Amino acid sequence: MITKKRATRETDVTLTLELYGSGRAEVDTGVGFFDHMLTAMAFHGGFDLTLLVSGDLAVDCHHTIEDVGLVLGDALREALGDGSGIARYGDSRVPMDEALAETVLDISGRPYLVFDCPFTVPMIGSYDTQMTEEFFRALAVRAGLTLHIRVPYGKNAHHMTEGIYKSFGRALRMAAARSQGGIPSSKGTLL
């Protein structure tokens, strides 16, 4: 179990992660839709997540969502260690009614994000849809993931976003799965 904390003038984030858990989440970020997405991601990723955030939501949700991505990325990186004994690669396609979300990731130690999702509306409740990309960028950079996320079609922004978080959780579960080998790289290191 890994616990991480980040406190700035904009946010105060406390996060606990059990990477090989049961999919249980206790999340309170102050952004209801984001809580819903993180809960779905943990469930489909099979990891336990406890998260308490106090943020400057009077400004907007940007700092809260981005900082959660940073802290979760730090926790994932620590939980994965040097990558020894993991599958390394994962991918998932999740349909949500009319929308399809795809995530392909490599626990490579080389952070990179490709994000392709044409959201149909700017907001879902108090959740800014453009923050989806910012969350996954922060997470990928801090965790050291090469991460490709795409929604090739969809109309409902809620469905599109939920598909992204679920497909990421499932792809991470696959990539972090334990294997019999050592470091999953021909060069002997993921960093």
N, C-alpha and C. Protein backbone atom coordinates (compact mmCIF):
# COMPACT_ATOMS: atom_id res chain seq x y z
N MET A 1 0.85 -1.17 0.00
CA MET A 1 0.00 0.00 0.00
C MET A 1 0.90 1.24 0.00
N ILE A 2 0.59 2.17 -0.87
CA ILE A 2 1.38 3.40 -1.03
C ILE A 2 0.49 4.59 -0.66
N THR A 3 1.02 5.49 0.14
CA THR A 3 0.32 6.73 0.48
C THR A 3 1.16 7.91 0.00
N LYS A 4 0.50 8.84 -0.68
CA LYS A 4 1.15 10.04 -1.20
C LYS A 4 0.34 11.25 -0.79
N LYS A 5 1.05 12.35 -0.59
CA LYS A 5 0.40 13.60 -0.22
C LYS A 5 1.02 14.74 -1.02
N ARG A 6 0.20 15.68 -1.42
CA ARG A 6 0.67 16.89 -2.11
C ARG A 6 -0.13 18.06 -1.55
N ALA A 7 0.56 19.04 -1.02
CA ALA A 7 -0.10 20.23 -0.49
C ALA A 7 0.53 21.46 -1.12
N THR A 8 -0.31 22.27 -1.77
CA THR A 8 0.13 23.53 -2.37
C THR A 8 -0.84 24.62 -1.93
N ARG A 9 -0.67 25.82 -2.43
CA ARG A 9 -1.63 26.89 -2.14
C ARG A 9 -2.95 26.67 -2.85
N GLU A 10 -2.96 25.75 -3.83
CA GLU A 10 -4.17 25.50 -4.61
C GLU A 10 -4.92 24.24 -4.20
N THR A 11 -4.18 23.21 -3.76
CA THR A 11 -4.82 21.94 -3.42
C THR A 11 -4.12 21.27 -2.25
N ASP A 12 -4.85 20.35 -1.64
CA ASP A 12 -4.30 19.46 -0.62
C ASP A 12 -4.83 18.07 -0.96
N VAL A 13 -3.92 17.19 -1.40
CA VAL A 13 -4.31 15.85 -1.89
C VAL A 13 -3.66 14.79 -1.01
N THR A 14 -4.48 13.87 -0.51
CA THR A 14 -3.98 12.70 0.20
C THR A 14 -4.55 11.47 -0.51
N LEU A 15 -3.65 10.58 -0.94
CA LEU A 15 -4.04 9.43 -1.75
C LEU A 15 -3.38 8.17 -1.23
N THR A 16 -4.15 7.09 -1.15
CA THR A 16 -3.61 5.78 -0.82
C THR A 16 -3.99 4.83 -1.94
N LEU A 17 -3.00 4.06 -2.41
CA LEU A 17 -3.18 3.14 -3.53
C LEU A 17 -2.70 1.75 -3.15
N GLU A 18 -3.54 0.76 -3.41
CA GLU A 18 -3.15 -0.65 -3.34
C GLU A 18 -3.34 -1.17 -4.76
N LEU A 19 -2.23 -1.28 -5.51
CA LEU A 19 -2.30 -1.61 -6.93
C LEU A 19 -2.95 -2.96 -7.19
N TYR A 20 -2.69 -3.93 -6.34
CA TYR A 20 -3.27 -5.27 -6.52
C TYR A 20 -4.34 -5.47 -5.46
N GLY A 21 -5.42 -4.72 -5.61
CA GLY A 21 -6.50 -4.73 -4.63
C GLY A 21 -7.74 -5.41 -5.17
N SER A 22 -8.89 -4.87 -4.76
CA SER A 22 -10.17 -5.47 -5.13
C SER A 22 -11.05 -4.53 -5.95
N GLY A 23 -10.55 -3.32 -6.25
CA GLY A 23 -11.34 -2.37 -7.03
C GLY A 23 -12.20 -1.46 -6.18
N ARG A 24 -11.88 -1.36 -4.90
CA ARG A 24 -12.65 -0.53 -3.97
C ARG A 24 -12.13 0.90 -4.01
N ALA A 25 -13.03 1.87 -3.98
CA ALA A 25 -12.62 3.27 -3.99
C ALA A 25 -13.44 4.08 -2.99
N GLU A 26 -12.76 4.95 -2.28
CA GLU A 26 -13.38 5.96 -1.42
C GLU A 26 -12.78 7.28 -1.86
N VAL A 27 -13.56 8.06 -2.59
CA VAL A 27 -13.03 9.23 -3.28
C VAL A 27 -13.88 10.46 -2.96
N ASP A 28 -13.20 11.54 -2.59
CA ASP A 28 -13.89 12.82 -2.39
C ASP A 28 -12.98 13.95 -2.87
N THR A 29 -13.22 14.40 -4.09
CA THR A 29 -12.43 15.49 -4.67
C THR A 29 -13.17 16.82 -4.66
N GLY A 30 -14.47 16.78 -4.38
CA GLY A 30 -15.29 17.98 -4.48
C GLY A 30 -15.88 18.18 -5.87
N VAL A 31 -15.51 17.31 -6.81
CA VAL A 31 -16.05 17.34 -8.18
C VAL A 31 -16.76 16.00 -8.39
N GLY A 32 -18.08 16.02 -8.29
CA GLY A 32 -18.85 14.79 -8.29
C GLY A 32 -18.61 13.87 -9.47
N PHE A 33 -18.59 14.40 -10.66
CA PHE A 33 -18.39 13.56 -11.84
C PHE A 33 -16.99 12.95 -11.84
N PHE A 34 -15.98 13.70 -11.41
CA PHE A 34 -14.61 13.18 -11.32
C PHE A 34 -14.55 12.04 -10.31
N ASP A 35 -15.24 12.19 -9.17
CA ASP A 35 -15.31 11.11 -8.19
C ASP A 35 -15.88 9.85 -8.83
N HIS A 36 -16.93 10.01 -9.60
CA HIS A 36 -17.57 8.90 -10.30
C HIS A 36 -16.59 8.23 -11.27
N MET A 37 -15.81 9.03 -12.00
CA MET A 37 -14.85 8.49 -12.96
C MET A 37 -13.72 7.73 -12.26
N LEU A 38 -13.18 8.30 -11.18
CA LEU A 38 -12.10 7.64 -10.46
C LEU A 38 -12.57 6.33 -9.82
N THR A 39 -13.80 6.32 -9.35
CA THR A 39 -14.37 5.11 -8.76
C THR A 39 -14.49 4.03 -9.83
N ALA A 40 -14.98 4.39 -11.01
CA ALA A 40 -15.09 3.43 -12.12
C ALA A 40 -13.71 2.94 -12.56
N MET A 41 -12.75 3.84 -12.61
CA MET A 41 -11.39 3.47 -13.02
C MET A 41 -10.78 2.48 -12.04
N ALA A 42 -10.93 2.72 -10.75
CA ALA A 42 -10.39 1.80 -9.73
C ALA A 42 -11.08 0.44 -9.82
N PHE A 43 -12.39 0.44 -9.98
CA PHE A 43 -13.12 -0.82 -10.07
C PHE A 43 -12.62 -1.65 -11.26
N HIS A 44 -12.55 -1.03 -12.42
CA HIS A 44 -12.13 -1.77 -13.62
C HIS A 44 -10.64 -2.05 -13.63
N GLY A 45 -9.87 -1.26 -12.89
CA GLY A 45 -8.43 -1.50 -12.79
C GLY A 45 -8.06 -2.51 -11.72
N GLY A 46 -9.03 -2.85 -10.86
CA GLY A 46 -8.76 -3.81 -9.80
C GLY A 46 -7.83 -3.28 -8.73
N PHE A 47 -7.73 -1.95 -8.60
CA PHE A 47 -6.88 -1.39 -7.54
C PHE A 47 -7.76 -0.64 -6.54
N ASP A 48 -7.27 -0.60 -5.30
CA ASP A 48 -7.97 0.11 -4.24
C ASP A 48 -7.43 1.53 -4.17
N LEU A 49 -8.35 2.48 -4.05
CA LEU A 49 -7.99 3.89 -4.07
C LEU A 49 -8.76 4.62 -2.98
N THR A 50 -8.02 5.30 -2.13
CA THR A 50 -8.61 6.20 -1.14
C THR A 50 -8.05 7.58 -1.44
N LEU A 51 -8.94 8.56 -1.58
CA LEU A 51 -8.52 9.88 -2.03
C LEU A 51 -9.36 10.95 -1.36
N LEU A 52 -8.68 11.91 -0.76
CA LEU A 52 -9.34 13.07 -0.17
C LEU A 52 -8.64 14.31 -0.69
N VAL A 53 -9.42 15.21 -1.28
CA VAL A 53 -8.85 16.41 -1.90
C VAL A 53 -9.61 17.64 -1.43
N SER A 54 -8.87 18.66 -1.10
CA SER A 54 -9.41 19.99 -0.86
C SER A 54 -8.74 20.89 -1.90
N GLY A 55 -9.54 21.50 -2.76
CA GLY A 55 -8.97 22.31 -3.83
C GLY A 55 -9.65 23.65 -3.98
N ASP A 56 -9.08 24.49 -4.81
CA ASP A 56 -9.62 25.83 -5.06
C ASP A 56 -10.73 25.77 -6.11
N LEU A 57 -11.78 25.04 -5.79
CA LEU A 57 -12.89 24.85 -6.73
C LEU A 57 -13.67 26.15 -6.98
N ALA A 58 -13.47 27.15 -6.16
CA ALA A 58 -14.09 28.45 -6.43
C ALA A 58 -13.51 29.06 -7.69
N VAL A 59 -12.27 28.67 -8.03
CA VAL A 59 -11.65 29.12 -9.28
C VAL A 59 -12.20 28.28 -10.42
N ASP A 60 -11.90 26.99 -10.39
CA ASP A 60 -12.45 25.97 -11.29
C ASP A 60 -11.87 24.63 -10.86
N CYS A 61 -12.10 23.59 -11.64
CA CYS A 61 -11.66 22.25 -11.25
C CYS A 61 -10.25 21.90 -11.72
N HIS A 62 -9.60 22.80 -12.44
CA HIS A 62 -8.32 22.48 -13.08
C HIS A 62 -7.26 21.98 -12.10
N HIS A 63 -6.96 22.76 -11.08
CA HIS A 63 -5.88 22.39 -10.16
C HIS A 63 -6.20 21.09 -9.43
N THR A 64 -7.44 20.91 -9.04
CA THR A 64 -7.83 19.68 -8.33
C THR A 64 -7.60 18.46 -9.20
N ILE A 65 -8.09 18.47 -10.42
CA ILE A 65 -8.00 17.30 -11.29
C ILE A 65 -6.55 17.04 -11.70
N GLU A 66 -5.83 18.08 -12.08
CA GLU A 66 -4.44 17.90 -12.49
C GLU A 66 -3.59 17.37 -11.33
N ASP A 67 -3.79 17.90 -10.13
CA ASP A 67 -2.98 17.47 -8.99
C ASP A 67 -3.29 16.03 -8.60
N VAL A 68 -4.53 15.60 -8.75
CA VAL A 68 -4.84 14.19 -8.51
C VAL A 68 -4.08 13.32 -9.51
N GLY A 69 -4.00 13.75 -10.76
CA GLY A 69 -3.22 13.01 -11.76
C GLY A 69 -1.75 12.91 -11.38
N LEU A 70 -1.19 14.00 -10.89
CA LEU A 70 0.22 14.00 -10.46
C LEU A 70 0.45 13.03 -9.31
N VAL A 71 -0.41 13.09 -8.31
CA VAL A 71 -0.23 12.26 -7.12
C VAL A 71 -0.49 10.79 -7.44
N LEU A 72 -1.52 10.50 -8.23
CA LEU A 72 -1.78 9.11 -8.62
C LEU A 72 -0.62 8.58 -9.46
N GLY A 73 -0.08 9.40 -10.34
CA GLY A 73 1.07 9.00 -11.13
C GLY A 73 2.27 8.66 -10.26
N ASP A 74 2.54 9.48 -9.25
CA ASP A 74 3.63 9.21 -8.32
C ASP A 74 3.42 7.88 -7.59
N ALA A 75 2.19 7.64 -7.15
CA ALA A 75 1.88 6.40 -6.43
C ALA A 75 2.04 5.18 -7.34
N LEU A 76 1.57 5.30 -8.58
CA LEU A 76 1.72 4.19 -9.53
C LEU A 76 3.19 3.88 -9.80
N ARG A 77 3.97 4.92 -10.00
CA ARG A 77 5.40 4.71 -10.27
C ARG A 77 6.07 3.98 -9.12
N GLU A 78 5.75 4.38 -7.90
CA GLU A 78 6.34 3.71 -6.73
C GLU A 78 5.84 2.27 -6.62
N ALA A 79 4.54 2.06 -6.86
CA ALA A 79 3.98 0.71 -6.76
C ALA A 79 4.57 -0.23 -7.81
N LEU A 80 4.88 0.29 -8.98
CA LEU A 80 5.41 -0.54 -10.07
C LEU A 80 6.91 -0.78 -9.92
N GLY A 81 7.57 0.04 -9.14
CA GLY A 81 9.02 -0.13 -8.92
C GLY A 81 9.79 -0.09 -10.22
N ASP A 82 10.72 -1.05 -10.38
CA ASP A 82 11.53 -1.07 -11.60
C ASP A 82 10.85 -1.82 -12.74
N GLY A 83 9.62 -2.28 -12.50
CA GLY A 83 8.86 -2.99 -13.54
C GLY A 83 9.13 -4.47 -13.59
N SER A 84 9.96 -4.95 -12.70
CA SER A 84 10.28 -6.38 -12.71
C SER A 84 9.03 -7.21 -12.42
N GLY A 85 8.81 -8.21 -13.26
CA GLY A 85 7.72 -9.14 -13.04
C GLY A 85 6.34 -8.65 -13.44
N ILE A 86 6.26 -7.61 -14.29
CA ILE A 86 4.96 -7.15 -14.79
C ILE A 86 4.85 -7.46 -16.28
N ALA A 87 3.62 -7.44 -16.78
CA ALA A 87 3.39 -7.71 -18.21
C ALA A 87 3.89 -6.56 -19.09
N ARG A 88 3.82 -5.34 -18.61
CA ARG A 88 4.30 -4.10 -19.24
C ARG A 88 3.28 -3.46 -20.17
N TYR A 89 2.69 -4.19 -21.09
CA TYR A 89 1.76 -3.62 -22.07
C TYR A 89 0.32 -3.96 -21.71
N GLY A 90 -0.58 -3.02 -22.01
CA GLY A 90 -2.00 -3.26 -21.80
C GLY A 90 -2.83 -2.48 -22.78
N ASP A 91 -3.97 -3.02 -23.14
CA ASP A 91 -4.90 -2.30 -24.02
C ASP A 91 -6.32 -2.71 -23.69
N SER A 92 -7.24 -1.80 -23.96
CA SER A 92 -8.65 -2.08 -23.68
C SER A 92 -9.53 -1.20 -24.55
N ARG A 93 -10.61 -1.79 -25.01
CA ARG A 93 -11.65 -1.05 -25.72
C ARG A 93 -12.93 -1.20 -24.92
N VAL A 94 -13.56 -0.09 -24.60
CA VAL A 94 -14.78 -0.12 -23.79
C VAL A 94 -15.89 0.63 -24.53
N PRO A 95 -16.99 -0.06 -24.84
CA PRO A 95 -18.15 0.62 -25.40
C PRO A 95 -19.03 1.17 -24.27
N MET A 96 -19.49 2.38 -24.44
CA MET A 96 -20.48 2.97 -23.53
C MET A 96 -21.61 3.48 -24.42
N ASP A 97 -22.63 2.67 -24.56
CA ASP A 97 -23.74 2.99 -25.44
C ASP A 97 -23.22 3.34 -26.84
N GLU A 98 -23.37 4.60 -27.28
CA GLU A 98 -22.99 4.97 -28.65
C GLU A 98 -21.50 5.30 -28.79
N ALA A 99 -20.78 5.36 -27.67
CA ALA A 99 -19.37 5.77 -27.69
C ALA A 99 -18.44 4.57 -27.52
N LEU A 100 -17.26 4.68 -28.11
CA LEU A 100 -16.23 3.67 -27.96
C LEU A 100 -14.95 4.36 -27.50
N ALA A 101 -14.35 3.85 -26.43
CA ALA A 101 -13.09 4.39 -25.91
C ALA A 101 -12.02 3.33 -25.98
N GLU A 102 -10.81 3.75 -26.37
CA GLU A 102 -9.68 2.83 -26.50
C GLU A 102 -8.48 3.38 -25.74
N THR A 103 -7.84 2.52 -24.98
CA THR A 103 -6.61 2.89 -24.28
C THR A 103 -5.56 1.83 -24.57
N VAL A 104 -4.38 2.27 -24.95
CA VAL A 104 -3.23 1.39 -25.14
C VAL A 104 -2.10 2.01 -24.33
N LEU A 105 -1.44 1.21 -23.47
CA LEU A 105 -0.38 1.78 -22.66
C LEU A 105 0.81 0.86 -22.53
N ASP A 106 1.93 1.48 -22.27
CA ASP A 106 3.20 0.80 -22.07
C ASP A 106 3.81 1.39 -20.79
N ILE A 107 4.04 0.54 -19.81
CA ILE A 107 4.74 0.98 -18.60
C ILE A 107 6.22 0.99 -18.97
N SER A 108 6.62 2.05 -19.64
CA SER A 108 7.91 2.12 -20.32
C SER A 108 8.96 2.91 -19.58
N GLY A 109 8.54 3.77 -18.65
CA GLY A 109 9.47 4.73 -18.07
C GLY A 109 9.66 5.96 -18.94
N ARG A 110 9.04 5.96 -20.13
CA ARG A 110 9.13 7.08 -21.06
C ARG A 110 7.74 7.73 -21.18
N PRO A 111 7.52 8.82 -20.46
CA PRO A 111 6.19 9.42 -20.46
C PRO A 111 5.83 10.07 -21.79
N TYR A 112 4.64 9.73 -22.27
CA TYR A 112 4.13 10.34 -23.50
C TYR A 112 2.62 10.11 -23.53
N LEU A 113 1.89 11.11 -23.96
CA LEU A 113 0.44 10.99 -24.08
C LEU A 113 0.01 11.38 -25.48
N VAL A 114 -0.77 10.50 -26.10
CA VAL A 114 -1.52 10.83 -27.31
C VAL A 114 -2.98 10.76 -26.90
N PHE A 115 -3.71 11.85 -27.08
CA PHE A 115 -5.10 11.94 -26.64
C PHE A 115 -5.94 12.45 -27.79
N ASP A 116 -6.89 11.64 -28.21
CA ASP A 116 -7.75 11.99 -29.35
C ASP A 116 -9.20 11.73 -28.98
N CYS A 117 -9.87 12.78 -28.52
CA CYS A 117 -11.28 12.66 -28.15
C CYS A 117 -11.99 13.98 -28.43
N PRO A 118 -12.84 14.01 -29.43
CA PRO A 118 -13.58 15.24 -29.76
C PRO A 118 -14.83 15.39 -28.89
N PHE A 119 -14.65 15.95 -27.70
CA PHE A 119 -15.80 16.11 -26.80
C PHE A 119 -16.87 16.98 -27.43
N THR A 120 -18.10 16.65 -27.12
CA THR A 120 -19.24 17.33 -27.73
C THR A 120 -19.73 18.52 -26.92
N VAL A 121 -19.35 18.59 -25.64
CA VAL A 121 -19.74 19.71 -24.77
C VAL A 121 -18.55 20.07 -23.88
N PRO A 122 -18.48 21.31 -23.41
CA PRO A 122 -17.34 21.70 -22.58
C PRO A 122 -17.43 21.24 -21.11
N MET A 123 -18.63 21.01 -20.60
CA MET A 123 -18.80 20.69 -19.18
C MET A 123 -19.73 19.50 -18.99
N ILE A 124 -19.43 18.70 -17.96
CA ILE A 124 -20.34 17.66 -17.47
C ILE A 124 -20.50 17.98 -15.99
N GLY A 125 -21.60 18.62 -15.61
CA GLY A 125 -21.74 19.14 -14.26
C GLY A 125 -20.66 20.18 -14.02
N SER A 126 -19.88 20.01 -12.95
CA SER A 126 -18.79 20.94 -12.65
C SER A 126 -17.45 20.42 -13.18
N TYR A 127 -17.49 19.39 -14.00
CA TYR A 127 -16.29 18.77 -14.58
C TYR A 127 -16.05 19.33 -15.97
N ASP A 128 -14.91 19.95 -16.17
CA ASP A 128 -14.51 20.51 -17.46
C ASP A 128 -13.97 19.37 -18.32
N THR A 129 -14.59 19.08 -19.45
CA THR A 129 -14.20 17.92 -20.25
C THR A 129 -12.75 18.00 -20.73
N GLN A 130 -12.21 19.20 -20.95
CA GLN A 130 -10.81 19.28 -21.38
C GLN A 130 -9.85 18.85 -20.28
N MET A 131 -10.33 18.75 -19.05
CA MET A 131 -9.48 18.29 -17.95
C MET A 131 -9.21 16.79 -18.02
N THR A 132 -9.96 16.07 -18.83
CA THR A 132 -9.70 14.64 -19.00
C THR A 132 -8.29 14.46 -19.57
N GLU A 133 -7.97 15.21 -20.60
CA GLU A 133 -6.63 15.13 -21.19
C GLU A 133 -5.56 15.58 -20.19
N GLU A 134 -5.83 16.64 -19.44
CA GLU A 134 -4.85 17.14 -18.47
C GLU A 134 -4.60 16.13 -17.36
N PHE A 135 -5.65 15.46 -16.90
CA PHE A 135 -5.49 14.43 -15.87
C PHE A 135 -4.58 13.30 -16.36
N PHE A 136 -4.87 12.80 -17.55
CA PHE A 136 -4.09 11.67 -18.06
C PHE A 136 -2.67 12.09 -18.45
N ARG A 137 -2.47 13.34 -18.85
CA ARG A 137 -1.11 13.81 -19.12
C ARG A 137 -0.30 13.83 -17.81
N ALA A 138 -0.87 14.40 -16.76
CA ALA A 138 -0.17 14.46 -15.48
C ALA A 138 0.14 13.06 -14.97
N LEU A 139 -0.83 12.16 -15.08
CA LEU A 139 -0.64 10.78 -14.64
C LEU A 139 0.45 10.08 -15.45
N ALA A 140 0.41 10.21 -16.77
CA ALA A 140 1.40 9.55 -17.64
C ALA A 140 2.80 10.06 -17.36
N VAL A 141 2.95 11.37 -17.20
CA VAL A 141 4.27 11.95 -16.96
C VAL A 141 4.84 11.44 -15.65
N ARG A 142 4.04 11.48 -14.58
CA ARG A 142 4.56 11.10 -13.27
C ARG A 142 4.74 9.59 -13.13
N ALA A 143 3.87 8.79 -13.78
CA ALA A 143 3.99 7.33 -13.67
C ALA A 143 5.01 6.77 -14.66
N GLY A 144 5.37 7.54 -15.68
CA GLY A 144 6.30 7.05 -16.70
C GLY A 144 5.62 6.12 -17.68
N LEU A 145 4.41 6.50 -18.11
CA LEU A 145 3.64 5.69 -19.05
C LEU A 145 3.68 6.28 -20.45
N THR A 146 3.79 5.43 -21.45
CA THR A 146 3.46 5.83 -22.81
C THR A 146 1.99 5.46 -22.95
N LEU A 147 1.16 6.47 -23.19
CA LEU A 147 -0.29 6.30 -23.08
C LEU A 147 -1.00 6.87 -24.30
N HIS A 148 -1.76 6.02 -24.97
CA HIS A 148 -2.56 6.44 -26.12
C HIS A 148 -4.03 6.23 -25.77
N ILE A 149 -4.80 7.31 -25.84
CA ILE A 149 -6.24 7.27 -25.54
C ILE A 149 -6.98 7.85 -26.73
N ARG A 150 -8.02 7.13 -27.17
CA ARG A 150 -8.76 7.58 -28.34
C ARG A 150 -10.23 7.23 -28.20
N VAL A 151 -11.08 8.16 -28.60
CA VAL A 151 -12.52 7.89 -28.74
C VAL A 151 -12.84 8.12 -30.21
N PRO A 152 -12.89 7.05 -31.02
CA PRO A 152 -13.10 7.22 -32.45
C PRO A 152 -14.50 7.71 -32.80
N TYR A 153 -15.47 7.44 -31.91
CA TYR A 153 -16.82 7.97 -32.14
C TYR A 153 -17.60 8.00 -30.84
N GLY A 154 -18.58 8.86 -30.80
CA GLY A 154 -19.43 9.03 -29.64
C GLY A 154 -20.13 10.37 -29.73
N LYS A 155 -21.26 10.49 -29.06
CA LYS A 155 -22.02 11.74 -29.06
C LYS A 155 -22.19 12.31 -27.66
N ASN A 156 -22.37 11.43 -26.68
CA ASN A 156 -22.63 11.85 -25.32
C ASN A 156 -21.32 11.96 -24.56
N ALA A 157 -20.99 13.16 -24.10
CA ALA A 157 -19.70 13.40 -23.44
C ALA A 157 -19.54 12.57 -22.17
N HIS A 158 -20.64 12.34 -21.45
CA HIS A 158 -20.58 11.49 -20.26
C HIS A 158 -20.13 10.08 -20.65
N HIS A 159 -20.74 9.53 -21.67
CA HIS A 159 -20.38 8.18 -22.13
C HIS A 159 -18.94 8.13 -22.62
N MET A 160 -18.53 9.13 -23.37
CA MET A 160 -17.17 9.18 -23.91
C MET A 160 -16.15 9.20 -22.78
N THR A 161 -16.38 10.07 -21.81
CA THR A 161 -15.45 10.22 -20.69
C THR A 161 -15.41 8.97 -19.83
N GLU A 162 -16.57 8.44 -19.51
CA GLU A 162 -16.60 7.23 -18.68
C GLU A 162 -15.92 6.06 -19.37
N GLY A 163 -16.09 5.95 -20.68
CA GLY A 163 -15.40 4.91 -21.43
C GLY A 163 -13.89 5.05 -21.33
N ILE A 164 -13.40 6.29 -21.35
CA ILE A 164 -11.95 6.54 -21.24
C ILE A 164 -11.42 6.06 -19.89
N TYR A 165 -12.07 6.48 -18.81
CA TYR A 165 -11.58 6.10 -17.48
C TYR A 165 -11.65 4.58 -17.28
N LYS A 166 -12.71 3.96 -17.74
CA LYS A 166 -12.83 2.51 -17.60
C LYS A 166 -11.79 1.78 -18.45
N SER A 167 -11.60 2.24 -19.68
CA SER A 167 -10.63 1.55 -20.54
C SER A 167 -9.22 1.74 -20.01
N PHE A 168 -8.92 2.90 -19.43
CA PHE A 168 -7.61 3.09 -18.82
C PHE A 168 -7.42 2.11 -17.66
N GLY A 169 -8.42 2.00 -16.80
CA GLY A 169 -8.31 1.08 -15.67
C GLY A 169 -8.05 -0.34 -16.12
N ARG A 170 -8.77 -0.79 -17.13
CA ARG A 170 -8.62 -2.16 -17.63
C ARG A 170 -7.25 -2.36 -18.29
N ALA A 171 -6.78 -1.36 -19.04
CA ALA A 171 -5.46 -1.47 -19.69
C ALA A 171 -4.35 -1.48 -18.64
N LEU A 172 -4.49 -0.67 -17.60
CA LEU A 172 -3.49 -0.65 -16.54
C LEU A 172 -3.46 -2.00 -15.82
N ARG A 173 -4.63 -2.55 -15.55
CA ARG A 173 -4.69 -3.85 -14.88
C ARG A 173 -3.93 -4.90 -15.70
N MET A 174 -4.11 -4.88 -17.01
CA MET A 174 -3.42 -5.83 -17.89
C MET A 174 -1.91 -5.60 -17.88
N ALA A 175 -1.50 -4.34 -17.97
CA ALA A 175 -0.07 -4.03 -18.05
C ALA A 175 0.65 -4.29 -16.73
N ALA A 176 -0.03 -4.08 -15.61
CA ALA A 176 0.58 -4.28 -14.29
C ALA A 176 0.48 -5.72 -13.81
N ALA A 177 -0.19 -6.58 -14.59
CA ALA A 177 -0.37 -7.98 -14.18
C ALA A 177 0.99 -8.63 -13.96
N ARG A 178 1.06 -9.44 -12.95
CA ARG A 178 2.31 -10.11 -12.62
C ARG A 178 2.63 -11.19 -13.64
N SER A 179 3.91 -11.25 -14.01
CA SER A 179 4.38 -12.27 -14.94
C SER A 179 5.56 -12.98 -14.29
N GLN A 180 6.02 -14.04 -14.91
CA GLN A 180 7.12 -14.84 -14.35
C GLN A 180 8.49 -14.25 -14.65
N GLY A 181 8.57 -13.34 -15.59
CA GLY A 181 9.87 -12.82 -16.02
C GLY A 181 10.41 -11.74 -15.10
N GLY A 182 11.59 -11.26 -15.46
CA GLY A 182 12.20 -10.14 -14.74
C GLY A 182 11.76 -8.82 -15.33
N ILE A 183 12.71 -7.98 -15.70
CA ILE A 183 12.40 -6.69 -16.33
C ILE A 183 11.92 -6.98 -17.75
N PRO A 184 10.72 -6.51 -18.11
CA PRO A 184 10.18 -6.80 -19.44
C PRO A 184 10.73 -5.89 -20.54
N SER A 185 12.05 -5.96 -20.73
CA SER A 185 12.70 -5.17 -21.76
C SER A 185 13.98 -5.88 -22.19
N SER A 186 14.25 -5.89 -23.50
CA SER A 186 15.47 -6.52 -24.00
C SER A 186 16.72 -5.76 -23.59
N LYS A 187 16.56 -4.48 -23.20
CA LYS A 187 17.74 -3.72 -22.74
C LYS A 187 17.99 -3.85 -21.26
N GLY A 188 17.06 -4.52 -20.54
CA GLY A 188 17.27 -4.79 -19.12
C GLY A 188 16.80 -3.73 -18.17
N THR A 189 16.15 -2.68 -18.67
CA THR A 189 15.63 -1.61 -17.82
C THR A 189 14.46 -0.94 -18.51
N LEU A 190 13.54 -0.43 -17.71
CA LEU A 190 12.42 0.34 -18.25
C LEU A 190 12.66 1.84 -18.11
N LEU A 191 13.72 2.22 -17.49
CA LEU A 191 13.98 3.64 -17.28
C LEU A 191 15.10 4.13 -18.17
